[in-house]
C-alpha cells in the first residue's frame, strides 16, 4: 500500500493563508506618509511679536496705574473752629472731664457729618479734639483732622477742597452750639507734629492691637505703645509693683507697695513694655501714701509718687486720663488690667508687660458670702471673672485697671490692690476705686 503523502489539515490551512497574503501584497500599494513642518513667514512672526509686546505694555500700564491710584497718602491737619456755647467755658474746658468729652463728641460728630456729605466722604478718616481755649465772644476748638488721598492728588488742591468743605458744610450744622465757619483755620502738619499733639493728650493709644487673652497668668504679651502709661516701680533695681503715669511728674500706685520700702531714693520707675531694657527710667523724689491706709486693712490702698524730673511724652510713654469723681463705671464696660506680675500664684515677675481683659463685677455680688463676704468697701471695685482664670497676680499691685470712653480715650478706673490668690473661681481681683480718690489725688498732685 503506497505511503500517504498528503499534508496534515493544519499545515494545509497555513499554506493557504500564506498564499492569500502574498496575493494581497501584490495588489495593495504601500503608502508612505511624509512629515512636513509648517514654516511661518518672517513678517508673520514679527507681527505676532509686536502685538504681544503691545498687550504686555498695556497690562503693565494698567497695573501701574491701579497701584498708583490705590496707594493712599495720609494727610494730617491742625484746625481751629470758633463757636459760641450756652455752657460756660469752665464747664467743659477741663481736659478729660465728662463735659469735655460731651462737647468734643458733638463737634467731632458735626465735622464728620460735614465731610460725609461732601466729595471727601471716602477720604475722611477722623477728627479729634485736643483742647478748647477761650477767646473773645466765644471758644476755640483745637482739632486734628486725618484724611487718606490717592498719592497722585496735588496737596495744594487737597488743602483748598478741605477748607471749602468746612466753610460750606458747617454753615448748616445743627447743634447746641453755633459754629462760625468764616473763622475756620486749617494748617497741614506732618506725622511728627501730629504725634506730638496726640501724645500730649491724655488717654490716647498709638498701637491698639487688643487681643483676647484668658488672664495675665498665661495671657497675652503687650506690644510697644499699647499701654503707654504703665510703669514698673523698682526697689534697688528689682521690680516690686506697677504704677500709672497721670502727669509728666506724677505716678499713682497702691499704698501697700510702700509699706516696708519707704525711702524714695532707693526707688526708680521705668517705662516701656520691658523692664530691661527700659524705654526710659526716672528716680523718685517723694512718695505720698494715703493718710487713712492702715495695714493689714486693704482700705484706702492708694499712693502717689513724684518723679525727680518730668518725662518726655512719646508714642510709647505718655499719661492716662483721670475720671471725674462723679463718673460711674458699669458692669459690661470694656476693661483691661496690665502688669509685669507673676504668671501663676506665688510665681516670679516678668520682664515683659502682659494684659488681660476683665469684667467689672457688681459690688453687691462681690460682697456675697461665697465671694468676699462684705469685705468690699465703697472705695473698692471688683473686676475679673467669677469663673476664674482672668486676673492680676503678685507683682501687678499698683498697676492700672483702665476703660475707654465713647471717643476711645482711656481712663484709670482702678488700681490693683488685693485678692485671694490669682484667677480662682469666685475670687476676682479687687482694685482701689479711683473716682473715690479723685479729690485726694488732685489735692496732692494738682492733677
Protein backbone atom coordinates (compact mmCIF):
# COMPACT_ATOMS: atom_id res chain seq x y z
CA UNK A 1 0.00 0.00 0.00
CA UNK A 2 1.58 3.32 -1.02
CA UNK A 3 2.51 5.78 1.77
CA UNK A 4 0.16 8.68 2.46
CA UNK A 5 1.94 11.76 1.19
CA UNK A 6 -0.82 14.25 1.91
CA UNK A 7 -0.11 17.17 4.41
CA UNK A 8 -1.84 17.44 7.76
CA UNK A 9 -5.02 19.54 7.77
CA UNK A 10 -3.49 22.37 9.89
CA UNK A 11 -0.45 22.68 7.63
CA UNK A 12 -2.64 22.92 4.59
CA UNK A 13 -4.54 25.74 6.20
CA UNK A 14 -1.40 27.78 6.95
CA UNK A 15 -0.14 27.32 3.42
CA UNK A 16 -3.40 28.59 2.07
CA UNK A 17 -3.23 31.73 4.27
CA UNK A 18 0.31 32.49 3.16
CA UNK A 19 -0.62 32.30 -0.49
CA UNK A 20 -3.60 34.63 0.10
CA UNK A 21 -1.34 37.14 1.89
CA UNK A 22 1.15 37.17 -0.98
CA UNK A 23 -1.64 37.86 -3.43
CA UNK A 24 -2.92 40.71 -1.27
CA UNK A 25 0.53 42.31 -1.09
CA UNK A 26 0.84 42.13 -4.82
CA UNK A 27 -2.32 44.14 -5.37
CA UNK A 28 -2.15 46.55 -2.31
CA UNK A 29 0.06 49.65 -2.81
CA UNK A 30 2.39 50.67 0.01
CA UNK A 31 1.59 54.21 1.18
CA UNK A 32 4.46 56.25 2.71
CA UNK A 33 3.35 59.36 4.66
CA UNK A 34 5.97 62.05 4.69
CA UNK A 35 6.04 64.51 7.71
CA UNK A 36 6.11 68.13 6.71
CA UNK A 37 6.90 71.09 9.09
CA UNK A 38 4.85 74.28 8.55
CA UNK A 39 7.09 77.35 8.42
CA UNK A 40 5.74 80.85 9.12
CA UNK A 41 6.81 83.76 7.06
CA UNK A 42 9.17 86.17 8.88
CA UNK A 43 6.67 89.05 8.63
CA UNK A 44 4.02 86.93 10.44
CA UNK A 45 6.43 86.18 13.28
CA UNK A 46 7.25 89.87 13.57
CA UNK A 47 3.57 90.84 13.67
CA UNK A 48 2.80 88.34 16.43
CA UNK A 49 5.78 89.55 18.47
CA UNK A 50 4.73 93.19 18.01
CA UNK A 51 1.15 92.51 19.14
CA UNK A 52 2.36 90.53 22.16
CA UNK A 53 4.60 93.41 23.24
CA UNK A 54 1.72 95.87 22.91
CA UNK A 55 -0.58 93.67 25.05
CA UNK A 56 2.17 93.25 27.65
CA UNK A 57 2.81 97.02 27.76
CA UNK A 58 -0.91 97.75 28.19
CA UNK A 59 -1.17 95.22 31.04
CA UNK A 60 1.86 96.68 32.81
CA UNK A 61 0.47 100.19 32.36
CA UNK A 62 -2.89 99.21 33.84
CA UNK A 63 -1.22 97.53 36.82
CA UNK A 64 0.99 100.56 37.50
CA UNK A 65 -1.99 102.91 37.19
CA UNK A 66 -4.07 100.76 39.52
CA UNK A 67 -1.31 100.59 42.12
CA UNK A 68 -0.60 104.31 41.94
CA UNK A 69 -4.27 105.21 42.15
CA UNK A 70 -4.92 102.90 45.08
CA UNK A 71 -1.83 103.93 47.02
CA UNK A 72 -3.10 106.44 49.52
CA UNK A 73 -1.18 109.04 51.46
CA UNK A 74 -2.20 110.20 54.94
CA UNK A 75 -2.77 113.94 55.29
CA UNK A 76 -2.90 115.46 58.79
CA UNK A 77 -4.23 118.93 59.58
CA UNK A 78 -4.38 121.17 62.63
CA UNK A 79 -7.60 123.14 62.65
CA UNK A 80 -9.36 125.65 64.90
CA UNK A 81 -13.13 126.13 64.89
CA UNK A 82 -14.74 129.12 66.56
CA UNK A 83 -18.10 128.62 68.25
CA UNK A 84 -20.39 130.02 70.90
CA UNK A 85 -21.96 127.85 73.58
CA UNK A 86 -24.71 128.06 76.16
CA UNK A 87 -22.27 126.46 78.61
CA UNK A 88 -19.57 128.39 80.40
CA UNK A 89 -16.04 127.51 79.33
CA UNK A 90 -15.24 126.33 82.85
CA UNK A 91 -17.83 123.58 82.47
CA UNK A 92 -16.10 121.86 79.56
CA UNK A 93 -12.64 123.40 79.33
CA UNK A 94 -11.03 120.88 81.69
CA UNK A 95 -9.42 118.01 79.78
CA UNK A 96 -10.93 114.55 80.37
CA UNK A 97 -13.95 115.90 82.25
CA UNK A 98 -17.36 114.50 81.30
CA UNK A 99 -18.37 117.88 79.86
CA UNK A 100 -15.15 118.00 77.82
CA UNK A 101 -15.95 114.56 76.38
CA UNK A 102 -19.54 115.53 75.62
CA UNK A 103 -18.56 118.78 73.87
CA UNK A 104 -15.76 117.07 71.92
CA UNK A 105 -18.10 114.33 70.75
CA UNK A 106 -20.66 116.83 69.46
CA UNK A 107 -18.14 118.88 67.49
CA UNK A 108 -16.38 115.81 66.09
CA UNK A 109 -19.76 114.46 65.01
CA UNK A 110 -20.66 117.74 63.26
CA UNK A 111 -17.36 117.76 61.39
CA UNK A 112 -17.72 114.10 60.42
CA UNK A 113 -21.22 114.73 59.05
CA UNK A 114 -19.96 117.73 57.09
CA UNK A 115 -17.32 115.67 55.27
CA UNK A 116 -19.64 112.71 54.78
CA UNK A 117 -21.99 114.99 52.86
CA UNK A 118 -19.19 116.16 50.59
CA UNK A 119 -16.93 114.83 47.86
CA UNK A 120 -14.40 113.94 50.59
CA UNK A 121 -16.57 111.21 52.08
CA UNK A 122 -14.19 108.41 51.06
CA UNK A 123 -11.06 110.32 52.03
CA UNK A 124 -12.10 111.46 55.52
CA UNK A 125 -10.71 109.30 58.36
CA UNK A 126 -11.43 111.10 61.63
CA UNK A 127 -11.46 114.33 63.60
CA UNK A 128 -10.07 114.59 67.12
CA UNK A 129 -10.50 117.50 69.56
CA UNK A 130 -7.29 118.02 71.50
CA UNK A 131 -8.30 121.05 73.60
CA UNK A 132 -10.54 124.08 73.97
CA UNK A 133 -9.41 127.65 74.59
CA UNK A 134 -11.28 130.85 75.37
CA UNK A 135 -11.47 133.79 73.01
CA UNK A 136 -13.43 136.99 72.98
CA UNK A 137 -17.14 136.30 72.39
CA UNK A 138 -16.61 132.58 72.04
CA UNK A 139 -14.47 129.47 72.29
CA UNK A 140 -11.89 127.87 70.01
CA UNK A 141 -11.92 124.12 69.48
CA UNK A 142 -8.45 122.87 68.57
CA UNK A 143 -8.79 119.80 66.37
CA UNK A 144 -6.76 117.31 64.37
CA UNK A 145 -8.13 116.12 61.02
CA UNK A 146 -6.94 113.00 59.21
CA UNK A 147 -7.56 112.12 55.55
CA UNK A 148 -6.28 109.49 53.12
CA UNK A 149 -5.97 110.54 49.48
CA UNK A 150 -4.52 108.78 46.42
CA UNK A 151 -0.84 109.64 46.19
CA UNK A 152 -1.49 111.25 42.80
CA UNK A 153 -3.53 114.08 44.35
CA UNK A 154 -1.98 117.53 44.42
CA UNK A 155 -1.51 118.65 48.07
CA UNK A 156 -2.47 122.26 47.33
CA UNK A 157 -5.69 121.15 45.68
CA UNK A 158 -6.46 118.89 48.62
CA UNK A 159 -5.96 121.75 51.09
CA UNK A 160 -8.36 124.01 49.18
CA UNK A 161 -11.04 121.31 48.98
CA UNK A 162 -10.88 120.63 52.73
CA UNK A 163 -11.06 124.34 53.53
CA UNK A 164 -14.03 124.83 51.18
CA UNK A 165 -15.96 121.88 52.63
CA UNK A 166 -15.50 123.15 56.19
CA UNK A 167 -16.69 126.63 55.23
CA UNK A 168 -19.67 125.44 53.21
CA UNK A 169 -20.97 122.41 55.09
CA UNK A 170 -20.66 123.84 58.60
CA UNK A 171 -22.97 126.73 57.64
CA UNK A 172 -25.94 124.44 58.14
CA UNK A 173 -24.55 122.42 61.05
CA UNK A 174 -27.15 121.85 63.75
CA UNK A 175 -26.14 121.59 67.39
CA UNK A 176 -26.39 123.08 70.87
CA UNK A 177 -23.59 125.50 69.97
CA UNK A 178 -23.19 127.74 66.95
CA UNK A 179 -20.10 127.30 64.81
CA UNK A 180 -18.66 130.25 62.91
CA UNK A 181 -17.35 128.73 59.65
CA UNK A 182 -15.85 132.01 58.48
CA UNK A 183 -13.30 131.77 61.30
CA UNK A 184 -12.22 128.21 60.47
CA UNK A 185 -8.46 127.92 60.14
CA UNK A 186 -6.58 124.89 58.86
CA UNK A 187 -2.89 124.05 58.54
CA UNK A 188 -1.24 120.92 57.15
CA UNK A 189 1.13 119.24 59.62
CA UNK A 190 3.49 116.28 59.36
CA UNK A 191 3.37 112.97 61.23
CA UNK A 192 5.82 114.08 63.93
CA UNK A 193 3.72 117.14 64.74
CA UNK A 194 0.57 115.02 64.79
CA UNK A 195 2.17 112.51 67.17
CA UNK A 196 3.28 115.32 69.47
CA UNK A 197 -0.23 116.74 69.68
CA UNK A 198 -1.77 113.33 70.40
CA UNK A 199 0.90 112.33 72.91
CA UNK A 200 0.20 115.47 74.92
CA UNK A 201 -3.44 114.44 75.18
CA UNK A 202 -4.20 112.01 77.99
CA UNK A 203 -5.51 108.51 77.34
CA UNK A 204 -4.53 108.10 73.68
CA UNK A 205 -3.10 104.82 72.38
CA UNK A 206 -0.95 104.65 69.25
CA UNK A 207 -0.93 100.86 68.97
CA UNK A 208 -4.35 99.33 69.62
CA UNK A 209 -3.99 95.69 68.67
CA UNK A 210 -6.10 94.40 71.53
CA UNK A 211 -6.05 90.61 71.59
CA UNK A 212 -8.26 88.44 73.72
CA UNK A 213 -6.48 86.55 76.46
CA UNK A 214 -7.66 84.50 79.42
CA UNK A 215 -5.50 86.09 82.10
CA UNK A 216 -2.17 87.72 82.81
CA UNK A 217 -1.32 84.31 84.20
CA UNK A 218 -0.54 82.69 80.83
CA UNK A 219 -2.11 85.63 78.98
CA UNK A 220 -1.01 87.94 76.20
CA UNK A 221 2.18 89.93 75.81
CA UNK A 222 1.90 93.65 75.09
CA UNK A 223 3.39 95.46 72.12
CA UNK A 224 5.10 98.84 72.33
CA UNK A 225 2.65 101.74 72.57
CA UNK A 226 -0.41 99.69 73.58
CA UNK A 227 -0.47 100.85 77.21
CA UNK A 228 1.95 103.82 77.29
CA UNK A 229 1.11 104.90 80.87
CA UNK A 230 2.27 101.67 82.50
CA UNK A 231 5.30 101.96 84.78
CA UNK A 232 7.38 99.49 86.77
CA UNK A 233 8.37 100.53 90.29
CA UNK A 234 11.73 99.04 91.32
CA UNK A 235 13.37 98.93 94.73
CA UNK A 236 17.16 98.78 94.33
CA UNK A 237 16.62 97.82 90.69
CA UNK A 238 14.20 94.93 91.38
CA UNK A 239 10.58 95.14 90.21
CA UNK A 240 8.16 95.36 93.11
CA UNK A 241 4.94 96.99 91.85
CA UNK A 242 3.20 98.58 88.92
CA UNK A 243 2.19 102.24 88.63
CA UNK A 244 0.38 104.56 86.24
CA UNK A 245 1.61 107.82 84.73
CA UNK A 246 -1.01 110.56 85.31
CA UNK A 247 1.22 113.60 84.67
CA UNK A 248 4.73 114.16 83.39
CA UNK A 249 5.98 114.17 87.01
CA UNK A 250 3.39 112.06 88.87
CA UNK A 251 2.56 108.37 89.22
CA UNK A 252 -0.32 106.75 91.07
CA UNK A 253 0.11 103.33 92.70
CA UNK A 254 -1.01 101.24 95.68
CA UNK A 255 -0.23 102.25 99.26
CA UNK A 256 0.85 98.74 100.27
CA UNK A 257 3.74 98.90 97.75
CA UNK A 258 5.49 101.34 100.12
CA UNK A 259 4.54 99.72 103.44
CA UNK A 260 8.05 98.35 104.03
CA UNK A 261 10.10 100.13 101.38
CA UNK A 262 9.67 103.84 102.11
CA UNK A 263 12.89 105.60 101.07
CA UNK A 264 12.21 107.33 97.69
CA UNK A 265 15.95 107.50 96.96
CA UNK A 266 16.05 103.71 96.51
CA UNK A 267 13.05 103.61 94.18
CA UNK A 268 13.10 104.03 90.41
CA UNK A 269 10.32 103.99 87.80
CA UNK A 270 10.85 102.56 84.34
CA UNK A 271 8.59 102.87 81.29
CA UNK A 272 8.01 100.74 78.22
CA UNK A 273 6.87 97.15 77.65
CA UNK A 274 10.11 95.69 79.02
CA UNK A 275 11.72 96.29 82.39
CA UNK A 276 15.13 95.63 80.83
CA UNK A 277 15.97 97.44 78.68
CA UNK A 278 13.51 100.21 79.65
CA UNK A 279 12.20 102.83 77.25
CA UNK A 280 13.13 105.43 79.88
CA UNK A 281 13.86 105.48 83.58
CA UNK A 282 13.42 108.02 86.40
CA UNK A 283 14.18 108.14 90.11
CA UNK A 284 11.54 109.16 92.67
CA UNK A 285 11.60 112.44 94.56
CA UNK A 286 8.87 111.70 97.10
CA UNK A 287 6.14 109.24 97.97
CA UNK A 288 2.74 110.17 99.43
CA UNK A 289 0.67 107.36 100.96
CA UNK A 290 -2.99 107.94 101.81
CA UNK A 291 -3.27 109.02 105.42
CA UNK A 292 -6.07 106.55 106.16
CA UNK A 293 -4.27 103.47 104.89
CA UNK A 294 -3.58 101.16 107.83
CA UNK A 295 -2.10 97.71 107.27
CA UNK A 296 -3.38 94.96 107.37
CA UNK A 297 -6.59 96.60 106.12
CA UNK A 298 -6.92 96.89 102.32
CA UNK A 299 -8.98 100.08 102.51
CA UNK A 300 -7.55 103.38 101.21
CA UNK A 301 -4.88 101.44 99.32
CA UNK A 302 -3.60 104.31 97.18
CA UNK A 303 -0.45 106.40 96.88
CA UNK A 304 1.14 108.93 94.54
CA UNK A 305 4.83 109.29 93.73
CA UNK A 306 6.61 112.32 92.30
CA UNK A 307 9.34 111.76 89.72
CA UNK A 308 12.68 113.52 90.11
CA UNK A 309 12.25 115.15 86.67
CA UNK A 310 9.48 115.27 84.04
CA UNK A 311 9.25 112.52 81.43
CA UNK A 312 9.10 113.46 77.76
CA UNK A 313 5.93 112.20 76.13
CA UNK A 314 6.36 109.86 73.17
CA UNK A 315 4.24 107.32 71.30
CA UNK A 316 5.43 104.71 73.81
CA UNK A 317 5.28 106.77 77.02
CA UNK A 318 2.52 109.20 77.97
CA UNK A 319 -0.20 109.71 80.55
CA UNK A 320 -3.65 108.28 81.10
CA UNK A 321 -6.78 110.33 81.84
CA UNK A 322 -8.20 110.58 85.35
CA UNK A 323 -12.00 110.36 85.55
CA UNK A 324 -14.23 112.88 87.29
CA UNK A 325 -15.24 111.90 90.81
CA UNK A 326 -18.84 111.68 89.55
CA UNK A 327 -18.05 109.27 86.74
CA UNK A 328 -19.55 105.80 87.01
CA UNK A 329 -18.18 102.60 85.52
CA UNK A 330 -20.72 99.85 84.90
CA UNK A 331 -20.65 96.06 84.65
CA UNK A 332 -20.17 95.28 80.97
CA UNK A 333 -17.82 98.21 80.34
CA UNK A 334 -14.67 97.25 78.45
CA UNK A 335 -11.77 97.00 80.90
CA UNK A 336 -8.15 95.87 80.84
CA UNK A 337 -5.57 95.29 83.53
CA UNK A 338 -1.85 95.22 82.74
CA UNK A 339 1.29 94.37 84.65
CA UNK A 340 4.71 92.74 84.94
CA UNK A 341 3.48 90.34 87.62
CA UNK A 342 3.68 86.58 88.04
CA UNK A 343 2.22 84.16 85.52
CA UNK A 344 0.97 81.92 88.33
CA UNK A 345 0.23 82.24 92.02
CA UNK A 346 3.46 82.74 94.05
CA UNK A 347 5.42 82.93 90.78
CA UNK A 348 8.06 85.49 89.83
CA UNK A 349 7.59 88.78 87.98
CA UNK A 350 8.15 89.06 84.24
CA UNK A 351 10.41 91.26 82.15
CA UNK A 352 7.62 91.66 79.57
CA UNK A 353 4.36 93.57 80.11
CA UNK A 354 1.17 91.45 79.92
CA UNK A 355 -2.51 92.32 79.51
CA UNK A 356 -5.90 90.77 80.21
CA UNK A 357 -9.46 91.87 79.54
CA UNK A 358 -11.63 91.67 82.65
CA UNK A 359 -15.29 92.20 83.56
CA UNK A 360 -16.38 94.77 86.11
CA UNK A 361 -18.37 92.90 88.79
CA UNK A 362 -21.20 94.49 90.75
CA UNK A 363 -20.21 95.29 94.35
CA UNK A 364 -23.29 93.51 95.72
CA UNK A 365 -22.21 90.30 94.00
CA UNK A 366 -18.62 90.77 95.16
CA UNK A 367 -19.81 91.17 98.74
CA UNK A 368 -21.74 87.90 98.72
CA UNK A 369 -20.69 85.27 101.24
CA UNK A 370 -19.18 82.93 98.62
CA UNK A 371 -17.11 85.76 97.13
CA UNK A 372 -15.61 88.31 99.57
CA UNK A 373 -18.28 88.28 102.29
CA UNK A 374 -18.82 92.05 102.78
CA UNK A 375 -15.10 92.92 102.60
CA UNK A 376 -15.57 95.31 99.64
CA UNK A 377 -15.89 98.95 100.76
CA UNK A 378 -17.16 101.94 98.71
CA UNK A 379 -13.50 102.71 97.91
CA UNK A 380 -13.01 99.38 96.12
CA UNK A 381 -14.28 97.69 92.98
CA UNK A 382 -14.06 94.12 91.72
CA UNK A 383 -13.03 93.04 88.23
CA UNK A 384 -12.13 89.72 86.67
CA UNK A 385 -14.35 86.67 86.29
CA UNK A 386 -16.34 84.69 88.85
CA UNK A 387 -15.34 81.60 86.86
CA UNK A 388 -11.69 82.41 87.50
CA UNK A 389 -8.75 82.42 85.06
CA UNK A 390 -8.82 86.18 84.34
CA UNK A 391 -6.97 88.17 86.97
CA UNK A 392 -3.93 90.13 88.01
CA UNK A 393 -1.31 88.45 90.21
CA UNK A 394 1.64 89.13 92.52
CA UNK A 395 3.83 91.93 91.15
CA UNK A 396 0.89 93.61 89.39
CA UNK A 397 -0.04 95.57 92.55
CA UNK A 398 -0.33 99.30 91.99
CA UNK A 399 -0.87 98.84 88.26
CA UNK A 400 -3.75 100.20 86.19
CA UNK A 401 -7.26 98.96 85.51
CA UNK A 402 -8.40 101.04 82.53
CA UNK A 403 -11.55 101.64 80.48
CA UNK A 404 -12.26 103.74 77.33
CA UNK A 405 -14.98 106.32 76.73
CA UNK A 406 -17.06 106.72 73.57
CA UNK A 407 -14.18 108.63 71.88
CA UNK A 408 -11.74 105.75 72.58
CA UNK A 409 -9.92 107.81 75.21
CA UNK A 410 -8.75 105.65 78.11
CA UNK A 411 -9.35 106.38 81.80
CA UNK A 412 -7.89 104.98 85.02
CA UNK A 413 -10.76 103.16 86.75
CA UNK A 414 -8.85 101.19 89.38
CA UNK A 415 -5.51 100.37 90.96
CA UNK A 416 -4.53 96.73 91.53
CA UNK A 417 -4.90 96.21 95.29
CA UNK A 418 -5.64 92.70 96.58
CA UNK A 419 -7.40 89.35 96.06
CA UNK A 420 -7.36 85.72 97.18
CA UNK A 421 -4.55 84.12 95.15
CA UNK A 422 -4.74 84.56 91.35
CA UNK A 423 -7.57 83.67 88.99
CA UNK A 424 -9.51 81.50 91.44
CA UNK A 425 -13.29 80.94 90.99
CA UNK A 426 -15.40 83.44 92.97
CA UNK A 427 -12.23 85.36 93.88
CA UNK A 428 -11.88 88.21 91.34
CA UNK A 429 -9.30 90.94 91.65
CA UNK A 430 -10.03 93.89 93.96
CA UNK A 431 -8.98 97.40 92.98
CA UNK A 432 -8.84 100.81 94.63
CA UNK A 433 -11.70 102.81 93.08
CA UNK A 434 -10.04 105.87 91.51
CA UNK A 435 -13.20 108.02 91.40
CA UNK A 436 -13.44 107.70 95.20
CA UNK A 437 -9.94 109.20 95.49
CA UNK A 438 -10.16 111.79 92.69
CA UNK A 439 -10.22 114.76 95.03
CA UNK A 440 -7.40 113.32 97.15
CA UNK A 441 -5.20 112.84 94.05
CA UNK A 442 -5.88 116.43 92.99
CA UNK A 443 -5.07 117.78 96.46
CA UNK A 444 -1.67 116.03 96.49
CA UNK A 445 -0.58 116.47 92.88
CA UNK A 446 -2.62 119.30 91.38
CA UNK A 447 -3.66 116.96 88.56
